[in-house]
Amino acid sequence: MYLGIPNPNIIIPLEKMKITNLDCKNPLKKTFEVLYNPQSYVQARSVQYAQIPLLGADAPIVQFQHGSGEMLSFELFFDSLSAGPEVGGTAIDKLKFAGNSLLPSATNLIDVREYTNEIYKLSHVDVNIHRPPELKVEWATLQFTGFLASCTQQFTKFDESGYPVRAIMQCQFIERVDLAKLFGIDPYNSPDTSQYREVCEGDSLWALASEKYGTCGQWREIAAANGLTNPRKLRAGETLVLPGLDI
């Protein structure tokens, strides 16, 4: 149990950093807050040049080749025993952490991996889109859109049962280059590439066909690929295959 000077964020709550999965169709799972804001963050960008040597010259000719995407890096902190009402997350999360911080570590009820994995899994390939999801990181004036390029979890404290209660996570994001704007194409949403999509409330085969193929008339192909006899009866939570078509 934590005893000491209270965190000033309890008195003056600060806006929490939010991470949004822009490819997620479920609004309940789309956005989440970090538990503790990072103490700092770093933005970096580099440019690649080629050095072309000239015979008899003191220095080579420097020729621009290409730029690189901006990188955003920060460290996130997680602690289930020393937490108070200043933590982020849902109202249920705040109650859980506040209550757990009053208990001795032997009766710990929270495994911090439940929360670190929310971020860690964002580096995994989403089978619906054949790549990790596109993300938006928001914290006051910081607005960054890109992908989680690397993520390292370090667990530094454990309860008597061996469950981790404290963790530090190093995160690095890379800026997304909008191919649709640069070249007028999006290779990840091509109609000739099969995708898997989780059905959400309000979805219909017509809307899914229009989004995938650019025309709602292809809904029959989705129905046939999934063995649907009644296209009006879609169940939220089920997974549909959107077959690739030569169109």
Protein backbone atom coordinates (compact mmCIF):
# COMPACT_ATOMS: atom_id res chain seq x y z
CA MET A 1 0.00 0.00 0.00
CA TYR A 2 1.31 3.44 -0.96
CA LEU A 3 2.01 5.98 1.80
CA GLY A 4 3.53 9.36 1.09
CA ILE A 5 2.95 12.74 -0.50
CA PRO A 6 -0.14 12.59 -2.73
CA ASN A 7 0.23 13.10 -6.46
CA PRO A 8 -0.72 16.72 -7.35
CA ASN A 9 -2.72 15.38 -10.31
CA ILE A 10 -5.36 14.32 -7.77
CA ILE A 11 -6.01 17.98 -6.99
CA ILE A 12 -5.54 19.31 -10.53
CA PRO A 13 -6.43 16.51 -12.97
CA LEU A 14 -4.47 16.71 -16.23
CA GLU A 15 -5.77 15.79 -19.64
CA LYS A 16 -4.91 12.17 -20.41
CA MET A 17 -3.12 10.99 -23.51
CA LYS A 18 -5.50 9.07 -25.78
CA ILE A 19 -4.67 6.41 -28.35
CA THR A 20 -7.27 5.68 -31.03
CA ASN A 21 -7.30 2.65 -33.33
CA LEU A 22 -8.50 4.25 -36.56
CA ASP A 23 -9.12 0.86 -38.18
CA CYS A 24 -11.32 -0.48 -35.36
CA LYS A 25 -15.05 -0.54 -36.18
CA ASN A 26 -16.16 -1.09 -32.57
CA PRO A 27 -16.62 2.30 -30.86
CA LEU A 28 -16.27 0.68 -27.39
CA LYS A 29 -12.78 -0.62 -28.23
CA LYS A 30 -11.65 2.18 -30.53
CA THR A 31 -10.15 4.70 -28.06
CA PHE A 32 -8.53 4.33 -24.64
CA GLU A 33 -6.63 6.56 -22.23
CA VAL A 34 -3.17 5.79 -20.87
CA LEU A 35 -3.07 5.22 -17.09
CA TYR A 36 -0.35 7.82 -16.46
CA ASN A 37 0.73 10.55 -18.84
CA PRO A 38 4.34 10.32 -20.05
CA GLN A 39 6.79 12.71 -18.42
CA SER A 40 8.06 13.75 -21.86
CA TYR A 41 7.97 12.79 -25.49
CA VAL A 42 10.42 13.06 -28.40
CA GLN A 43 9.65 13.83 -32.03
CA ALA A 44 12.39 13.10 -34.58
CA ARG A 45 12.76 13.21 -38.34
CA SER A 46 15.70 12.44 -40.62
CA VAL A 47 16.55 13.08 -44.27
CA GLN A 48 18.69 10.80 -46.44
CA TYR A 49 21.41 12.27 -48.67
CA ALA A 50 23.86 10.57 -51.00
CA GLN A 51 27.48 11.74 -51.05
CA ILE A 52 28.86 11.59 -54.59
CA PRO A 53 32.67 11.91 -54.63
CA LEU A 54 34.37 14.12 -57.21
CA LEU A 55 37.92 13.44 -58.37
CA GLY A 56 40.27 16.07 -56.96
CA ALA A 57 37.56 17.82 -54.89
CA ASP A 58 37.79 18.52 -51.16
CA ALA A 59 34.22 17.37 -50.53
CA PRO A 60 31.62 15.26 -52.31
CA ILE A 61 28.45 16.51 -53.91
CA VAL A 62 25.54 16.06 -51.53
CA GLN A 63 22.40 14.91 -53.32
CA PHE A 64 19.00 14.59 -51.65
CA GLN A 65 17.46 11.10 -51.87
CA HIS A 66 14.37 10.98 -49.70
CA GLY A 67 12.89 11.99 -46.38
CA SER A 68 11.78 9.64 -43.63
CA GLY A 69 8.61 9.55 -41.61
CA GLU A 70 8.49 11.42 -38.33
CA MET A 71 9.10 9.30 -35.24
CA LEU A 72 7.29 9.83 -31.93
CA SER A 73 8.77 8.24 -28.80
CA PHE A 74 7.71 8.23 -25.16
CA GLU A 75 7.74 6.10 -22.00
CA LEU A 76 4.57 4.96 -20.26
CA PHE A 77 4.30 3.98 -16.59
CA PHE A 78 1.90 1.42 -15.06
CA ASP A 79 1.36 0.69 -11.37
CA SER A 80 -1.57 -1.07 -9.71
CA LEU A 81 -0.47 -0.74 -6.06
CA SER A 82 0.54 2.92 -5.89
CA ALA A 83 -2.31 4.15 -8.04
CA GLY A 84 -4.86 6.73 -7.01
CA PRO A 85 -7.80 8.54 -8.57
CA GLU A 86 -5.39 10.39 -10.90
CA VAL A 87 -5.13 7.35 -13.21
CA GLY A 88 -6.74 7.44 -16.62
CA GLY A 89 -9.10 4.96 -18.25
CA THR A 90 -12.78 4.34 -17.75
CA ALA A 91 -14.69 5.10 -14.56
CA ILE A 92 -14.53 1.38 -13.70
CA ASP A 93 -10.74 1.38 -14.19
CA LYS A 94 -10.36 4.37 -11.87
CA LEU A 95 -12.43 2.68 -9.15
CA LYS A 96 -10.46 -0.56 -9.49
CA PHE A 97 -7.09 1.16 -9.19
CA ALA A 98 -8.18 3.44 -6.35
CA GLY A 99 -9.51 0.47 -4.36
CA ASN A 100 -6.53 -1.75 -5.14
CA SER A 101 -4.06 0.90 -3.96
CA LEU A 102 -5.56 0.66 -0.45
CA LEU A 103 -4.93 -3.10 -0.19
CA PRO A 104 -1.69 -4.87 0.79
CA SER A 105 0.21 -6.36 -2.15
CA ALA A 106 -0.70 -9.90 -1.03
CA THR A 107 -4.33 -9.19 -1.94
CA ASN A 108 -3.55 -7.47 -5.25
CA LEU A 109 -6.44 -7.79 -7.71
CA ILE A 110 -4.90 -6.23 -10.84
CA ASP A 111 -2.39 -7.70 -13.27
CA VAL A 112 -0.91 -4.68 -15.09
CA ARG A 113 -0.46 -6.78 -18.25
CA GLU A 114 -4.20 -6.36 -18.76
CA TYR A 115 -3.42 -2.69 -19.46
CA THR A 116 0.03 -2.88 -21.06
CA ASN A 117 -1.31 -5.41 -23.59
CA GLU A 118 -3.84 -2.86 -24.82
CA ILE A 119 -0.90 -0.98 -26.30
CA TYR A 120 1.41 -3.94 -27.00
CA LYS A 121 -1.13 -5.66 -29.26
CA LEU A 122 -1.33 -2.57 -31.48
CA SER A 123 1.92 -3.72 -33.08
CA HIS A 124 0.30 -7.01 -34.19
CA VAL A 125 -1.01 -7.56 -37.70
CA ASP A 126 -4.78 -7.08 -37.95
CA VAL A 127 -6.09 -9.91 -40.17
CA ASN A 128 -8.89 -7.65 -41.42
CA ILE A 129 -6.47 -5.22 -43.09
CA HIS A 130 -3.26 -7.31 -43.40
CA ARG A 131 -1.15 -4.86 -41.37
CA PRO A 132 -0.98 -3.38 -37.87
CA PRO A 133 -3.71 -0.79 -37.29
CA GLU A 134 -3.35 2.90 -38.03
CA LEU A 135 -3.31 4.89 -34.79
CA LYS A 136 -3.88 8.44 -33.62
CA VAL A 137 -2.06 9.69 -30.53
CA GLU A 138 -3.62 12.76 -28.92
CA TRP A 139 -2.41 14.74 -25.94
CA ALA A 140 -3.42 18.39 -25.81
CA THR A 141 -1.61 20.01 -28.76
CA LEU A 142 0.11 16.75 -29.74
CA GLN A 143 -1.75 15.21 -32.68
CA PHE A 144 0.10 12.31 -34.33
CA THR A 145 -1.17 9.74 -36.84
CA GLY A 146 0.87 6.65 -37.67
CA PHE A 147 1.77 3.11 -36.60
CA LEU A 148 3.33 1.55 -33.51
CA ALA A 149 6.82 0.74 -34.83
CA SER A 150 8.32 -0.74 -31.65
CA CYS A 151 7.18 -1.50 -28.13
CA THR A 152 9.14 -2.86 -25.16
CA GLN A 153 7.57 -3.93 -21.85
CA GLN A 154 9.67 -4.05 -18.69
CA PHE A 155 8.00 -5.43 -15.56
CA THR A 156 9.74 -4.11 -12.46
CA LYS A 157 7.60 -5.16 -9.47
CA PHE A 158 5.52 -8.22 -8.59
CA ASP A 159 3.06 -9.24 -5.91
CA GLU A 160 3.47 -12.31 -3.67
CA SER A 161 1.83 -14.52 -6.30
CA GLY A 162 4.21 -13.43 -9.03
CA TYR A 163 1.78 -11.22 -10.95
CA PRO A 164 3.37 -8.01 -12.27
CA VAL A 165 2.05 -4.87 -10.59
CA ARG A 166 4.42 -2.28 -12.08
CA ALA A 167 5.68 -1.85 -15.62
CA ILE A 168 7.49 0.60 -17.86
CA MET A 169 6.76 0.59 -21.57
CA GLN A 170 8.93 2.16 -24.27
CA CYS A 171 6.87 3.10 -27.32
CA GLN A 172 7.92 4.41 -30.71
CA PHE A 173 5.47 5.40 -33.43
CA ILE A 174 6.18 6.13 -37.09
CA GLU A 175 4.25 8.65 -39.14
CA ARG A 176 1.77 7.29 -41.66
CA VAL A 177 2.38 8.31 -45.26
CA ASP A 178 -0.98 8.73 -46.99
CA LEU A 179 -0.58 6.73 -50.23
CA ALA A 180 -4.10 7.65 -51.27
CA LYS A 181 -3.12 11.32 -51.33
CA LEU A 182 0.31 10.75 -52.88
CA PHE A 183 -0.64 8.25 -55.57
CA GLY A 184 -4.42 7.99 -55.46
CA ILE A 185 -4.35 4.35 -54.24
CA ASP A 186 -4.65 2.41 -51.00
CA PRO A 187 -3.07 -1.06 -51.43
CA TYR A 188 -4.48 -2.29 -48.11
CA ASN A 189 -8.09 -1.75 -49.23
CA SER A 190 -7.82 -3.05 -52.78
CA PRO A 191 -10.94 -4.89 -54.03
CA ASP A 192 -8.81 -7.84 -55.21
CA THR A 193 -7.48 -8.48 -51.68
CA SER A 194 -9.49 -10.59 -49.24
CA GLN A 195 -10.25 -9.07 -45.85
CA TYR A 196 -11.91 -10.14 -42.61
CA ARG A 197 -14.29 -7.78 -40.85
CA GLU A 198 -15.98 -7.95 -37.45
CA VAL A 199 -19.66 -7.07 -37.70
CA CYS A 200 -20.73 -4.09 -35.58
CA GLU A 201 -24.20 -2.83 -34.71
CA GLY A 202 -25.77 -1.16 -37.74
CA ASP A 203 -23.59 -2.92 -40.34
CA SER A 204 -25.16 -4.30 -43.50
CA LEU A 205 -23.87 -6.30 -46.44
CA TRP A 206 -24.70 -3.38 -48.74
CA ALA A 207 -22.59 -0.94 -46.72
CA LEU A 208 -19.69 -3.42 -46.40
CA ALA A 209 -19.76 -4.05 -50.16
CA SER A 210 -19.78 -0.32 -50.91
CA GLU A 211 -16.84 0.27 -48.56
CA LYS A 212 -14.84 -2.67 -49.91
CA TYR A 213 -15.63 -2.65 -53.64
CA GLY A 214 -16.97 0.86 -54.24
CA THR A 215 -20.42 -0.46 -55.13
CA CYS A 216 -23.17 -1.98 -52.99
CA GLY A 217 -24.13 -4.36 -55.79
CA GLN A 218 -21.38 -6.79 -54.78
CA TRP A 219 -23.13 -7.76 -51.52
CA ARG A 220 -24.07 -11.15 -53.04
CA GLU A 221 -20.38 -12.12 -53.25
CA ILE A 222 -20.00 -11.46 -49.51
CA ALA A 223 -23.16 -13.44 -48.75
CA ALA A 224 -21.97 -16.38 -50.86
CA ALA A 225 -18.47 -16.37 -49.34
CA ASN A 226 -19.96 -16.57 -45.84
CA GLY A 227 -22.87 -18.93 -46.55
CA LEU A 228 -25.50 -16.33 -45.61
CA THR A 229 -29.01 -17.24 -46.70
CA ASN A 230 -30.62 -14.12 -45.19
CA PRO A 231 -28.41 -11.05 -45.81
CA ARG A 232 -30.53 -8.94 -43.46
CA LYS A 233 -29.64 -11.03 -40.41
CA LEU A 234 -26.12 -10.09 -39.36
CA ARG A 235 -25.02 -10.72 -35.79
CA ALA A 236 -22.79 -8.16 -34.10
CA GLY A 237 -19.46 -9.70 -33.16
CA GLU A 238 -19.32 -12.33 -35.89
CA THR A 239 -16.50 -12.22 -38.44
CA LEU A 240 -17.17 -12.03 -42.18
CA VAL A 241 -14.75 -12.60 -45.03
CA LEU A 242 -14.84 -9.95 -47.75
CA PRO A 243 -13.51 -11.92 -50.74
CA GLY A 244 -11.09 -10.44 -53.24
CA LEU A 245 -12.68 -9.81 -56.64
CA ASP A 246 -11.28 -9.20 -60.09
CA ILE A 247 -13.19 -6.04 -60.85
